[in-house]
Amino acid sequence: ARDRGIRYQRLYTRYTAVPAALVEVGFL
């Protein structure tokens, strides 16, 4: 798939210290 890289956004994962990421696997 096309590599769209990593980007930043304000997410709910800011409330945990656990290493966290959201993976958008493709476009519906």
mmCIF file of all heavy atoms, coordinates in Angstrom:
data_MODEL
# 
_entry.id   MODEL 
# 
loop_
_atom_site.group_PDB 
_atom_site.id 
_atom_site.type_symbol 
_atom_site.label_atom_id 
_atom_site.label_alt_id 
_atom_site.label_comp_id 
_atom_site.label_asym_id 
_atom_site.label_entity_id 
_atom_site.label_seq_id 
_atom_site.pdbx_PDB_ins_code 
_atom_site.Cartn_x 
_atom_site.Cartn_y 
_atom_site.Cartn_z 
_atom_site.occupancy 
_atom_site.B_iso_or_equiv 
_atom_site.pdbx_formal_charge 
_atom_site.auth_seq_id 
_atom_site.auth_comp_id 
_atom_site.auth_asym_id 
_atom_site.auth_atom_id 
_atom_site.pdbx_PDB_model_num 
ATOM 1   N N   . ALA A 1 1  ? 0.832   -1.206 0.000  1.00 0.00 ? 1  ALA A N   1 
ATOM 2   C CA  . ALA A 1 1  ? 0.000   0.000  0.000  1.00 0.00 ? 1  ALA A CA  1 
ATOM 3   C C   . ALA A 1 1  ? 0.865   1.253  0.000  1.00 0.00 ? 1  ALA A C   1 
ATOM 4   O O   . ALA A 1 1  ? 2.050   1.215  0.347  1.00 0.00 ? 1  ALA A O   1 
ATOM 5   C CB  . ALA A 1 1  ? -0.915  0.005  1.230  1.00 0.00 ? 1  ALA A CB  1 
ATOM 6   N N   . ARG A 1 2  ? 0.263   2.352  -0.391 1.00 0.00 ? 2  ARG A N   1 
ATOM 7   C CA  . ARG A 1 2  ? 0.972   3.632  -0.367 1.00 0.00 ? 2  ARG A CA  1 
ATOM 8   C C   . ARG A 1 2  ? 1.351   3.971  1.074  1.00 0.00 ? 2  ARG A C   1 
ATOM 9   O O   . ARG A 1 2  ? 0.545   3.823  1.990  1.00 0.00 ? 2  ARG A O   1 
ATOM 10  C CB  . ARG A 1 2  ? 0.081   4.739  -0.936 1.00 0.00 ? 2  ARG A CB  1 
ATOM 11  C CG  . ARG A 1 2  ? 0.742   6.117  -0.914 1.00 0.00 ? 2  ARG A CG  1 
ATOM 12  C CD  . ARG A 1 2  ? -0.210  7.212  -1.311 1.00 0.00 ? 2  ARG A CD  1 
ATOM 13  N NE  . ARG A 1 2  ? 0.399   8.527  -1.148 1.00 0.00 ? 2  ARG A NE  1 
ATOM 14  C CZ  . ARG A 1 2  ? -0.257  9.673  -1.209 1.00 0.00 ? 2  ARG A CZ  1 
ATOM 15  N NH1 . ARG A 1 2  ? -1.564  9.676  -1.425 1.00 0.00 ? 2  ARG A NH1 1 
ATOM 16  N NH2 . ARG A 1 2  ? 0.376   10.817 -1.036 1.00 0.00 ? 2  ARG A NH2 1 
ATOM 17  N N   . ASP A 1 3  ? 2.579   4.408  1.258  1.00 0.00 ? 3  ASP A N   1 
ATOM 18  C CA  . ASP A 1 3  ? 3.075   4.760  2.585  1.00 0.00 ? 3  ASP A CA  1 
ATOM 19  C C   . ASP A 1 3  ? 2.779   6.234  2.867  1.00 0.00 ? 3  ASP A C   1 
ATOM 20  O O   . ASP A 1 3  ? 3.429   7.121  2.316  1.00 0.00 ? 3  ASP A O   1 
ATOM 21  C CB  . ASP A 1 3  ? 4.582   4.497  2.655  1.00 0.00 ? 3  ASP A CB  1 
ATOM 22  C CG  . ASP A 1 3  ? 5.152   4.706  4.049  1.00 0.00 ? 3  ASP A CG  1 
ATOM 23  O OD1 . ASP A 1 3  ? 4.401   5.133  4.957  1.00 0.00 ? 3  ASP A OD1 1 
ATOM 24  O OD2 . ASP A 1 3  ? 6.351   4.438  4.235  1.00 0.00 ? 3  ASP A OD2 1 
ATOM 25  N N   . ARG A 1 4  ? 1.803   6.479  3.736  1.00 0.00 ? 4  ARG A N   1 
ATOM 26  C CA  . ARG A 1 4  ? 1.439   7.848  4.085  1.00 0.00 ? 4  ARG A CA  1 
ATOM 27  C C   . ARG A 1 4  ? 2.164   8.330  5.353  1.00 0.00 ? 4  ARG A C   1 
ATOM 28  O O   . ARG A 1 4  ? 1.952   9.452  5.808  1.00 0.00 ? 4  ARG A O   1 
ATOM 29  C CB  . ARG A 1 4  ? -0.082  7.944  4.283  1.00 0.00 ? 4  ARG A CB  1 
ATOM 30  C CG  . ARG A 1 4  ? -0.868  7.583  3.017  1.00 0.00 ? 4  ARG A CG  1 
ATOM 31  C CD  . ARG A 1 4  ? -2.371  7.652  3.254  1.00 0.00 ? 4  ARG A CD  1 
ATOM 32  N NE  . ARG A 1 4  ? -2.783  8.981  3.642  1.00 0.00 ? 4  ARG A NE  1 
ATOM 33  C CZ  . ARG A 1 4  ? -3.070  9.968  2.789  1.00 0.00 ? 4  ARG A CZ  1 
ATOM 34  N NH1 . ARG A 1 4  ? -2.980  9.763  1.485  1.00 0.00 ? 4  ARG A NH1 1 
ATOM 35  N NH2 . ARG A 1 4  ? -3.452  11.156 3.221  1.00 0.00 ? 4  ARG A NH2 1 
ATOM 36  N N   . GLY A 1 5  ? 2.998   7.457  5.900  1.00 0.00 ? 5  GLY A N   1 
ATOM 37  C CA  . GLY A 1 5  ? 3.857   7.860  6.996  1.00 0.00 ? 5  GLY A CA  1 
ATOM 38  C C   . GLY A 1 5  ? 3.164   7.980  8.348  1.00 0.00 ? 5  GLY A C   1 
ATOM 39  O O   . GLY A 1 5  ? 2.073   7.468  8.574  1.00 0.00 ? 5  GLY A O   1 
ATOM 40  N N   . ILE A 1 6  ? 3.826   8.696  9.236  1.00 0.00 ? 6  ILE A N   1 
ATOM 41  C CA  . ILE A 1 6  ? 3.332   8.909  10.592 1.00 0.00 ? 6  ILE A CA  1 
ATOM 42  C C   . ILE A 1 6  ? 2.961   10.376 10.749 1.00 0.00 ? 6  ILE A C   1 
ATOM 43  O O   . ILE A 1 6  ? 3.689   11.256 10.291 1.00 0.00 ? 6  ILE A O   1 
ATOM 44  C CB  . ILE A 1 6  ? 4.407   8.535  11.630 1.00 0.00 ? 6  ILE A CB  1 
ATOM 45  C CG1 . ILE A 1 6  ? 4.796   7.065  11.476 1.00 0.00 ? 6  ILE A CG1 1 
ATOM 46  C CG2 . ILE A 1 6  ? 3.923   8.812  13.051 1.00 0.00 ? 6  ILE A CG2 1 
ATOM 47  C CD1 . ILE A 1 6  ? 5.979   6.655  12.319 1.00 0.00 ? 6  ILE A CD1 1 
ATOM 48  N N   . ARG A 1 7  ? 1.837   10.625 11.382 1.00 0.00 ? 7  ARG A N   1 
ATOM 49  C CA  . ARG A 1 7  ? 1.451   12.009 11.624 1.00 0.00 ? 7  ARG A CA  1 
ATOM 50  C C   . ARG A 1 7  ? 0.909   12.152 13.044 1.00 0.00 ? 7  ARG A C   1 
ATOM 51  O O   . ARG A 1 7  ? 0.558   11.185 13.697 1.00 0.00 ? 7  ARG A O   1 
ATOM 52  C CB  . ARG A 1 7  ? 0.432   12.496 10.606 1.00 0.00 ? 7  ARG A CB  1 
ATOM 53  C CG  . ARG A 1 7  ? -0.927  11.817 10.643 1.00 0.00 ? 7  ARG A CG  1 
ATOM 54  C CD  . ARG A 1 7  ? -1.824  12.373 9.540  1.00 0.00 ? 7  ARG A CD  1 
ATOM 55  N NE  . ARG A 1 7  ? -3.118  11.735 9.490  1.00 0.00 ? 7  ARG A NE  1 
ATOM 56  C CZ  . ARG A 1 7  ? -4.175  12.131 10.207 1.00 0.00 ? 7  ARG A CZ  1 
ATOM 57  N NH1 . ARG A 1 7  ? -4.058  13.152 11.059 1.00 0.00 ? 7  ARG A NH1 1 
ATOM 58  N NH2 . ARG A 1 7  ? -5.335  11.510 10.091 1.00 0.00 ? 7  ARG A NH2 1 
ATOM 59  N N   . TYR A 1 8  ? 0.882   13.408 13.475 1.00 0.00 ? 8  TYR A N   1 
ATOM 60  C CA  . TYR A 1 8  ? 0.423   13.716 14.823 1.00 0.00 ? 8  TYR A CA  1 
ATOM 61  C C   . TYR A 1 8  ? -0.980  14.296 14.821 1.00 0.00 ? 8  TYR A C   1 
ATOM 62  O O   . TYR A 1 8  ? -1.385  14.988 13.876 1.00 0.00 ? 8  TYR A O   1 
ATOM 63  C CB  . TYR A 1 8  ? 1.374   14.715 15.482 1.00 0.00 ? 8  TYR A CB  1 
ATOM 64  C CG  . TYR A 1 8  ? 2.643   14.095 16.016 1.00 0.00 ? 8  TYR A CG  1 
ATOM 65  C CD1 . TYR A 1 8  ? 3.850   14.234 15.322 1.00 0.00 ? 8  TYR A CD1 1 
ATOM 66  C CD2 . TYR A 1 8  ? 2.638   13.388 17.211 1.00 0.00 ? 8  TYR A CD2 1 
ATOM 67  C CE1 . TYR A 1 8  ? 5.017   13.668 15.817 1.00 0.00 ? 8  TYR A CE1 1 
ATOM 68  C CE2 . TYR A 1 8  ? 3.805   12.830 17.717 1.00 0.00 ? 8  TYR A CE2 1 
ATOM 69  C CZ  . TYR A 1 8  ? 4.983   12.972 17.018 1.00 0.00 ? 8  TYR A CZ  1 
ATOM 70  O OH  . TYR A 1 8  ? 6.133   12.415 17.513 1.00 0.00 ? 8  TYR A OH  1 
ATOM 71  N N   . GLN A 1 9  ? -1.704  13.981 15.882 1.00 0.00 ? 9  GLN A N   1 
ATOM 72  C CA  . GLN A 1 9  ? -3.074  14.462 16.053 1.00 0.00 ? 9  GLN A CA  1 
ATOM 73  C C   . GLN A 1 9  ? -3.398  14.376 17.545 1.00 0.00 ? 9  GLN A C   1 
ATOM 74  O O   . GLN A 1 9  ? -2.803  13.582 18.278 1.00 0.00 ? 9  GLN A O   1 
ATOM 75  C CB  . GLN A 1 9  ? -4.030  13.570 15.250 1.00 0.00 ? 9  GLN A CB  1 
ATOM 76  C CG  . GLN A 1 9  ? -5.474  13.980 15.260 1.00 0.00 ? 9  GLN A CG  1 
ATOM 77  C CD  . GLN A 1 9  ? -6.314  13.057 14.386 1.00 0.00 ? 9  GLN A CD  1 
ATOM 78  O OE1 . GLN A 1 9  ? -5.904  12.710 13.260 1.00 0.00 ? 9  GLN A OE1 1 
ATOM 79  N NE2 . GLN A 1 9  ? -7.456  12.625 14.879 1.00 0.00 ? 9  GLN A NE2 1 
ATOM 80  N N   . ARG A 1 10 ? -4.314  15.177 18.016 1.00 0.00 ? 10 ARG A N   1 
ATOM 81  C CA  . ARG A 1 10 ? -4.726  15.092 19.412 1.00 0.00 ? 10 ARG A CA  1 
ATOM 82  C C   . ARG A 1 10 ? -5.608  13.859 19.580 1.00 0.00 ? 10 ARG A C   1 
ATOM 83  O O   . ARG A 1 10 ? -6.680  13.756 18.991 1.00 0.00 ? 10 ARG A O   1 
ATOM 84  C CB  . ARG A 1 10 ? -5.478  16.350 19.839 1.00 0.00 ? 10 ARG A CB  1 
ATOM 85  C CG  . ARG A 1 10 ? -5.835  16.388 21.336 1.00 0.00 ? 10 ARG A CG  1 
ATOM 86  C CD  . ARG A 1 10 ? -6.446  17.740 21.698 1.00 0.00 ? 10 ARG A CD  1 
ATOM 87  N NE  . ARG A 1 10 ? -6.964  17.778 23.048 1.00 0.00 ? 10 ARG A NE  1 
ATOM 88  C CZ  . ARG A 1 10 ? -6.230  18.001 24.133 1.00 0.00 ? 10 ARG A CZ  1 
ATOM 89  N NH1 . ARG A 1 10 ? -4.931  18.208 24.011 1.00 0.00 ? 10 ARG A NH1 1 
ATOM 90  N NH2 . ARG A 1 10 ? -6.784  18.039 25.332 1.00 0.00 ? 10 ARG A NH2 1 
ATOM 91  N N   . LEU A 1 11 ? -5.159  12.912 20.410 1.00 0.00 ? 11 LEU A N   1 
ATOM 92  C CA  . LEU A 1 11 ? -5.846  11.640 20.564 1.00 0.00 ? 11 LEU A CA  1 
ATOM 93  C C   . LEU A 1 11 ? -6.109  11.330 22.036 1.00 0.00 ? 11 LEU A C   1 
ATOM 94  O O   . LEU A 1 11 ? -5.449  11.872 22.931 1.00 0.00 ? 11 LEU A O   1 
ATOM 95  C CB  . LEU A 1 11 ? -5.000  10.505 19.978 1.00 0.00 ? 11 LEU A CB  1 
ATOM 96  C CG  . LEU A 1 11 ? -4.657  10.578 18.483 1.00 0.00 ? 11 LEU A CG  1 
ATOM 97  C CD1 . LEU A 1 11 ? -3.665  9.477  18.145 1.00 0.00 ? 11 LEU A CD1 1 
ATOM 98  C CD2 . LEU A 1 11 ? -5.909  10.453 17.635 1.00 0.00 ? 11 LEU A CD2 1 
ATOM 99  N N   . TYR A 1 12 ? -7.019  10.421 22.264 1.00 0.00 ? 12 TYR A N   1 
ATOM 100 C CA  . TYR A 1 12 ? -7.312  9.980  23.623 1.00 0.00 ? 12 TYR A CA  1 
ATOM 101 C C   . TYR A 1 12 ? -6.158  9.225  24.255 1.00 0.00 ? 12 TYR A C   1 
ATOM 102 O O   . TYR A 1 12 ? -6.086  9.074  25.482 1.00 0.00 ? 12 TYR A O   1 
ATOM 103 C CB  . TYR A 1 12 ? -8.573  9.107  23.644 1.00 0.00 ? 12 TYR A CB  1 
ATOM 104 C CG  . TYR A 1 12 ? -8.437  7.759  22.970 1.00 0.00 ? 12 TYR A CG  1 
ATOM 105 C CD1 . TYR A 1 12 ? -8.150  6.611  23.704 1.00 0.00 ? 12 TYR A CD1 1 
ATOM 106 C CD2 . TYR A 1 12 ? -8.598  7.628  21.593 1.00 0.00 ? 12 TYR A CD2 1 
ATOM 107 C CE1 . TYR A 1 12 ? -8.023  5.369  23.092 1.00 0.00 ? 12 TYR A CE1 1 
ATOM 108 C CE2 . TYR A 1 12 ? -8.475  6.398  20.976 1.00 0.00 ? 12 TYR A CE2 1 
ATOM 109 C CZ  . TYR A 1 12 ? -8.195  5.276  21.723 1.00 0.00 ? 12 TYR A CZ  1 
ATOM 110 O OH  . TYR A 1 12 ? -8.065  4.048  21.108 1.00 0.00 ? 12 TYR A OH  1 
ATOM 111 N N   . THR A 1 13 ? -5.220  8.758  23.443 1.00 0.00 ? 13 THR A N   1 
ATOM 112 C CA  . THR A 1 13 ? -4.083  8.002  23.973 1.00 0.00 ? 13 THR A CA  1 
ATOM 113 C C   . THR A 1 13 ? -3.151  8.882  24.797 1.00 0.00 ? 13 THR A C   1 
ATOM 114 O O   . THR A 1 13 ? -2.218  8.363  25.434 1.00 0.00 ? 13 THR A O   1 
ATOM 115 C CB  . THR A 1 13 ? -3.286  7.352  22.826 1.00 0.00 ? 13 THR A CB  1 
ATOM 116 O OG1 . THR A 1 13 ? -2.956  8.346  21.850 1.00 0.00 ? 13 THR A OG1 1 
ATOM 117 C CG2 . THR A 1 13 ? -4.108  6.251  22.162 1.00 0.00 ? 13 THR A CG2 1 
ATOM 118 N N   . ARG A 1 14 ? -3.411  10.181 24.833 1.00 0.00 ? 14 ARG A N   1 
ATOM 119 C CA  . ARG A 1 14 ? -2.610  11.057 25.692 1.00 0.00 ? 14 ARG A CA  1 
ATOM 120 C C   . ARG A 1 14 ? -2.839  10.759 27.171 1.00 0.00 ? 14 ARG A C   1 
ATOM 121 O O   . ARG A 1 14 ? -2.062  11.196 28.029 1.00 0.00 ? 14 ARG A O   1 
ATOM 122 C CB  . ARG A 1 14 ? -2.926  12.526 25.401 1.00 0.00 ? 14 ARG A CB  1 
ATOM 123 C CG  . ARG A 1 14 ? -4.339  12.968 25.755 1.00 0.00 ? 14 ARG A CG  1 
ATOM 124 C CD  . ARG A 1 14 ? -4.575  14.407 25.291 1.00 0.00 ? 14 ARG A CD  1 
ATOM 125 N NE  . ARG A 1 14 ? -5.923  14.892 25.593 1.00 0.00 ? 14 ARG A NE  1 
ATOM 126 C CZ  . ARG A 1 14 ? -6.973  14.676 24.828 1.00 0.00 ? 14 ARG A CZ  1 
ATOM 127 N NH1 . ARG A 1 14 ? -6.845  13.965 23.708 1.00 0.00 ? 14 ARG A NH1 1 
ATOM 128 N NH2 . ARG A 1 14 ? -8.162  15.160 25.144 1.00 0.00 ? 14 ARG A NH2 1 
ATOM 129 N N   . TYR A 1 15 ? -3.881  9.999  27.464 1.00 0.00 ? 15 TYR A N   1 
ATOM 130 C CA  . TYR A 1 15 ? -4.218  9.705  28.855 1.00 0.00 ? 15 TYR A CA  1 
ATOM 131 C C   . TYR A 1 15 ? -3.578  8.425  29.383 1.00 0.00 ? 15 TYR A C   1 
ATOM 132 O O   . TYR A 1 15 ? -3.934  7.947  30.448 1.00 0.00 ? 15 TYR A O   1 
ATOM 133 C CB  . TYR A 1 15 ? -5.739  9.610  29.013 1.00 0.00 ? 15 TYR A CB  1 
ATOM 134 C CG  . TYR A 1 15 ? -6.445  10.937 28.784 1.00 0.00 ? 15 TYR A CG  1 
ATOM 135 C CD1 . TYR A 1 15 ? -7.300  11.107 27.697 1.00 0.00 ? 15 TYR A CD1 1 
ATOM 136 C CD2 . TYR A 1 15 ? -6.249  12.011 29.646 1.00 0.00 ? 15 TYR A CD2 1 
ATOM 137 C CE1 . TYR A 1 15 ? -7.945  12.323 27.482 1.00 0.00 ? 15 TYR A CE1 1 
ATOM 138 C CE2 . TYR A 1 15 ? -6.888  13.232 29.433 1.00 0.00 ? 15 TYR A CE2 1 
ATOM 139 C CZ  . TYR A 1 15 ? -7.727  13.377 28.352 1.00 0.00 ? 15 TYR A CZ  1 
ATOM 140 O OH  . TYR A 1 15 ? -8.364  14.581 28.140 1.00 0.00 ? 15 TYR A OH  1 
ATOM 141 N N   . THR A 1 16 ? -2.652  7.872  28.625 1.00 0.00 ? 16 THR A N   1 
ATOM 142 C CA  . THR A 1 16 ? -1.938  6.687  29.110 1.00 0.00 ? 16 THR A CA  1 
ATOM 143 C C   . THR A 1 16 ? -0.450  6.832  28.844 1.00 0.00 ? 16 THR A C   1 
ATOM 144 O O   . THR A 1 16 ? -0.039  7.493  27.881 1.00 0.00 ? 16 THR A O   1 
ATOM 145 C CB  . THR A 1 16 ? -2.452  5.392  28.446 1.00 0.00 ? 16 THR A CB  1 
ATOM 146 O OG1 . THR A 1 16 ? -1.772  4.267  29.013 1.00 0.00 ? 16 THR A OG1 1 
ATOM 147 C CG2 . THR A 1 16 ? -2.214  5.404  26.945 1.00 0.00 ? 16 THR A CG2 1 
ATOM 148 N N   . ALA A 1 17 ? 0.348   6.203  29.709 1.00 0.00 ? 17 ALA A N   1 
ATOM 149 C CA  . ALA A 1 17 ? 1.794   6.206  29.513 1.00 0.00 ? 17 ALA A CA  1 
ATOM 150 C C   . ALA A 1 17 ? 2.247   5.029  28.657 1.00 0.00 ? 17 ALA A C   1 
ATOM 151 O O   . ALA A 1 17 ? 3.406   4.952  28.258 1.00 0.00 ? 17 ALA A O   1 
ATOM 152 C CB  . ALA A 1 17 ? 2.496   6.159  30.863 1.00 0.00 ? 17 ALA A CB  1 
ATOM 153 N N   . VAL A 1 18 ? 1.327   4.112  28.358 1.00 0.00 ? 18 VAL A N   1 
ATOM 154 C CA  . VAL A 1 18 ? 1.659   2.951  27.529 1.00 0.00 ? 18 VAL A CA  1 
ATOM 155 C C   . VAL A 1 18 ? 1.985   3.425  26.112 1.00 0.00 ? 18 VAL A C   1 
ATOM 156 O O   . VAL A 1 18 ? 1.239   4.235  25.547 1.00 0.00 ? 18 VAL A O   1 
ATOM 157 C CB  . VAL A 1 18 ? 0.470   1.953  27.490 1.00 0.00 ? 18 VAL A CB  1 
ATOM 158 C CG1 . VAL A 1 18 ? 0.792   0.785  26.559 1.00 0.00 ? 18 VAL A CG1 1 
ATOM 159 C CG2 . VAL A 1 18 ? 0.156   1.448  28.887 1.00 0.00 ? 18 VAL A CG2 1 
ATOM 160 N N   . PRO A 1 19 ? 3.068   2.980  25.510 1.00 0.00 ? 19 PRO A N   1 
ATOM 161 C CA  . PRO A 1 19 ? 3.349   3.318  24.115 1.00 0.00 ? 19 PRO A CA  1 
ATOM 162 C C   . PRO A 1 19 ? 2.137   2.982  23.246 1.00 0.00 ? 19 PRO A C   1 
ATOM 163 O O   . PRO A 1 19 ? 1.653   1.845  23.276 1.00 0.00 ? 19 PRO A O   1 
ATOM 164 C CB  . PRO A 1 19 ? 4.567   2.452  23.770 1.00 0.00 ? 19 PRO A CB  1 
ATOM 165 C CG  . PRO A 1 19 ? 5.252   2.262  25.084 1.00 0.00 ? 19 PRO A CG  1 
ATOM 166 C CD  . PRO A 1 19 ? 4.136   2.133  26.089 1.00 0.00 ? 19 PRO A CD  1 
ATOM 167 N N   . ALA A 1 20 ? 1.641   3.961  22.508 1.00 0.00 ? 20 ALA A N   1 
ATOM 168 C CA  . ALA A 1 20 ? 0.363   3.769  21.807 1.00 0.00 ? 20 ALA A CA  1 
ATOM 169 C C   . ALA A 1 20 ? 0.365   4.423  20.436 1.00 0.00 ? 20 ALA A C   1 
ATOM 170 O O   . ALA A 1 20 ? 0.974   5.481  20.231 1.00 0.00 ? 20 ALA A O   1 
ATOM 171 C CB  . ALA A 1 20 ? -0.773  4.339  22.652 1.00 0.00 ? 20 ALA A CB  1 
ATOM 172 N N   . ALA A 1 21 ? -0.340  3.780  19.500 1.00 0.00 ? 21 ALA A N   1 
ATOM 173 C CA  . ALA A 1 21 ? -0.480  4.311  18.143 1.00 0.00 ? 21 ALA A CA  1 
ATOM 174 C C   . ALA A 1 21 ? -1.781  3.832  17.526 1.00 0.00 ? 21 ALA A C   1 
ATOM 175 O O   . ALA A 1 21 ? -2.269  2.747  17.857 1.00 0.00 ? 21 ALA A O   1 
ATOM 176 C CB  . ALA A 1 21 ? 0.700   3.870  17.276 1.00 0.00 ? 21 ALA A CB  1 
ATOM 177 N N   . LEU A 1 22 ? -2.349  4.655  16.657 1.00 0.00 ? 22 LEU A N   1 
ATOM 178 C CA  . LEU A 1 22 ? -3.528  4.286  15.878 1.00 0.00 ? 22 LEU A CA  1 
ATOM 179 C C   . LEU A 1 22 ? -3.064  4.003  14.453 1.00 0.00 ? 22 LEU A C   1 
ATOM 180 O O   . LEU A 1 22 ? -2.393  4.841  13.830 1.00 0.00 ? 22 LEU A O   1 
ATOM 181 C CB  . LEU A 1 22 ? -4.566  5.411  15.867 1.00 0.00 ? 22 LEU A CB  1 
ATOM 182 C CG  . LEU A 1 22 ? -5.582  5.442  17.015 1.00 0.00 ? 22 LEU A CG  1 
ATOM 183 C CD1 . LEU A 1 22 ? -4.871  5.715  18.339 1.00 0.00 ? 22 LEU A CD1 1 
ATOM 184 C CD2 . LEU A 1 22 ? -6.634  6.516  16.755 1.00 0.00 ? 22 LEU A CD2 1 
ATOM 185 N N   . VAL A 1 23 ? -3.426  2.842  13.939 1.00 0.00 ? 23 VAL A N   1 
ATOM 186 C CA  . VAL A 1 23 ? -3.018  2.461  12.590 1.00 0.00 ? 23 VAL A CA  1 
ATOM 187 C C   . VAL A 1 23 ? -4.226  2.526  11.662 1.00 0.00 ? 23 VAL A C   1 
ATOM 188 O O   . VAL A 1 23 ? -5.191  1.782  11.821 1.00 0.00 ? 23 VAL A O   1 
ATOM 189 C CB  . VAL A 1 23 ? -2.416  1.044  12.563 1.00 0.00 ? 23 VAL A CB  1 
ATOM 190 C CG1 . VAL A 1 23 ? -1.969  0.693  11.152 1.00 0.00 ? 23 VAL A CG1 1 
ATOM 191 C CG2 . VAL A 1 23 ? -1.246  0.945  13.529 1.00 0.00 ? 23 VAL A CG2 1 
ATOM 192 N N   . GLU A 1 24 ? -4.173  3.445  10.715 1.00 0.00 ? 24 GLU A N   1 
ATOM 193 C CA  . GLU A 1 24 ? -5.218  3.581  9.697  1.00 0.00 ? 24 GLU A CA  1 
ATOM 194 C C   . GLU A 1 24 ? -4.805  2.697  8.526  1.00 0.00 ? 24 GLU A C   1 
ATOM 195 O O   . GLU A 1 24 ? -3.910  3.043  7.753  1.00 0.00 ? 24 GLU A O   1 
ATOM 196 C CB  . GLU A 1 24 ? -5.358  5.035  9.261  1.00 0.00 ? 24 GLU A CB  1 
ATOM 197 C CG  . GLU A 1 24 ? -5.753  5.999  10.370 1.00 0.00 ? 24 GLU A CG  1 
ATOM 198 C CD  . GLU A 1 24 ? -7.261  6.043  10.611 1.00 0.00 ? 24 GLU A CD  1 
ATOM 199 O OE1 . GLU A 1 24 ? -7.991  5.288  9.929  1.00 0.00 ? 24 GLU A OE1 1 
ATOM 200 O OE2 . GLU A 1 24 ? -7.702  6.845  11.454 1.00 0.00 ? 24 GLU A OE2 1 
ATOM 201 N N   . VAL A 1 25 ? -5.458  1.544  8.395  1.00 0.00 ? 25 VAL A N   1 
ATOM 202 C CA  . VAL A 1 25 ? -4.970  0.502  7.490  1.00 0.00 ? 25 VAL A CA  1 
ATOM 203 C C   . VAL A 1 25 ? -5.364  0.691  6.025  1.00 0.00 ? 25 VAL A C   1 
ATOM 204 O O   . VAL A 1 25 ? -4.928  -0.082 5.169  1.00 0.00 ? 25 VAL A O   1 
ATOM 205 C CB  . VAL A 1 25 ? -5.443  -0.882 7.970  1.00 0.00 ? 25 VAL A CB  1 
ATOM 206 C CG1 . VAL A 1 25 ? -4.856  -1.201 9.341  1.00 0.00 ? 25 VAL A CG1 1 
ATOM 207 C CG2 . VAL A 1 25 ? -6.970  -0.969 8.020  1.00 0.00 ? 25 VAL A CG2 1 
ATOM 208 N N   . GLY A 1 26 ? -6.181  1.689  5.726  1.00 0.00 ? 26 GLY A N   1 
ATOM 209 C CA  . GLY A 1 26 ? -6.586  1.925  4.350  1.00 0.00 ? 26 GLY A CA  1 
ATOM 210 C C   . GLY A 1 26 ? -7.844  2.767  4.297  1.00 0.00 ? 26 GLY A C   1 
ATOM 211 O O   . GLY A 1 26 ? -8.469  3.040  5.330  1.00 0.00 ? 26 GLY A O   1 
ATOM 212 N N   . PHE A 1 27 ? -8.233  3.175  3.081  1.00 0.00 ? 27 PHE A N   1 
ATOM 213 C CA  . PHE A 1 27 ? -9.379  4.061  2.894  1.00 0.00 ? 27 PHE A CA  1 
ATOM 214 C C   . PHE A 1 27 ? -10.592 3.302  2.357  1.00 0.00 ? 27 PHE A C   1 
ATOM 215 O O   . PHE A 1 27 ? -10.565 2.763  1.248  1.00 0.00 ? 27 PHE A O   1 
ATOM 216 C CB  . PHE A 1 27 ? -9.010  5.188  1.932  1.00 0.00 ? 27 PHE A CB  1 
ATOM 217 C CG  . PHE A 1 27 ? -8.151  6.254  2.548  1.00 0.00 ? 27 PHE A CG  1 
ATOM 218 C CD1 . PHE A 1 27 ? -6.789  6.043  2.746  1.00 0.00 ? 27 PHE A CD1 1 
ATOM 219 C CD2 . PHE A 1 27 ? -8.701  7.467  2.956  1.00 0.00 ? 27 PHE A CD2 1 
ATOM 220 C CE1 . PHE A 1 27 ? -5.995  7.020  3.326  1.00 0.00 ? 27 PHE A CE1 1 
ATOM 221 C CE2 . PHE A 1 27 ? -7.913  8.453  3.532  1.00 0.00 ? 27 PHE A CE2 1 
ATOM 222 C CZ  . PHE A 1 27 ? -6.558  8.229  3.722  1.00 0.00 ? 27 PHE A CZ  1 
ATOM 223 N N   . LEU A 1 28 ? -11.647 3.305  3.149  1.00 0.00 ? 28 LEU A N   1 
ATOM 224 C CA  . LEU A 1 28 ? -12.896 2.683  2.703  1.00 0.00 ? 28 LEU A CA  1 
ATOM 225 C C   . LEU A 1 28 ? -13.524 3.455  1.551  1.00 0.00 ? 28 LEU A C   1 
ATOM 226 O O   . LEU A 1 28 ? -14.329 2.910  0.799  1.00 0.00 ? 28 LEU A O   1 
ATOM 227 C CB  . LEU A 1 28 ? -13.883 2.599  3.868  1.00 0.00 ? 28 LEU A CB  1 
ATOM 228 C CG  . LEU A 1 28 ? -13.522 1.615  4.987  1.00 0.00 ? 28 LEU A CG  1 
ATOM 229 C CD1 . LEU A 1 28 ? -14.549 1.715  6.113  1.00 0.00 ? 28 LEU A CD1 1 
ATOM 230 C CD2 . LEU A 1 28 ? -13.460 0.189  4.465  1.00 0.00 ? 28 LEU A CD2 1 
# 
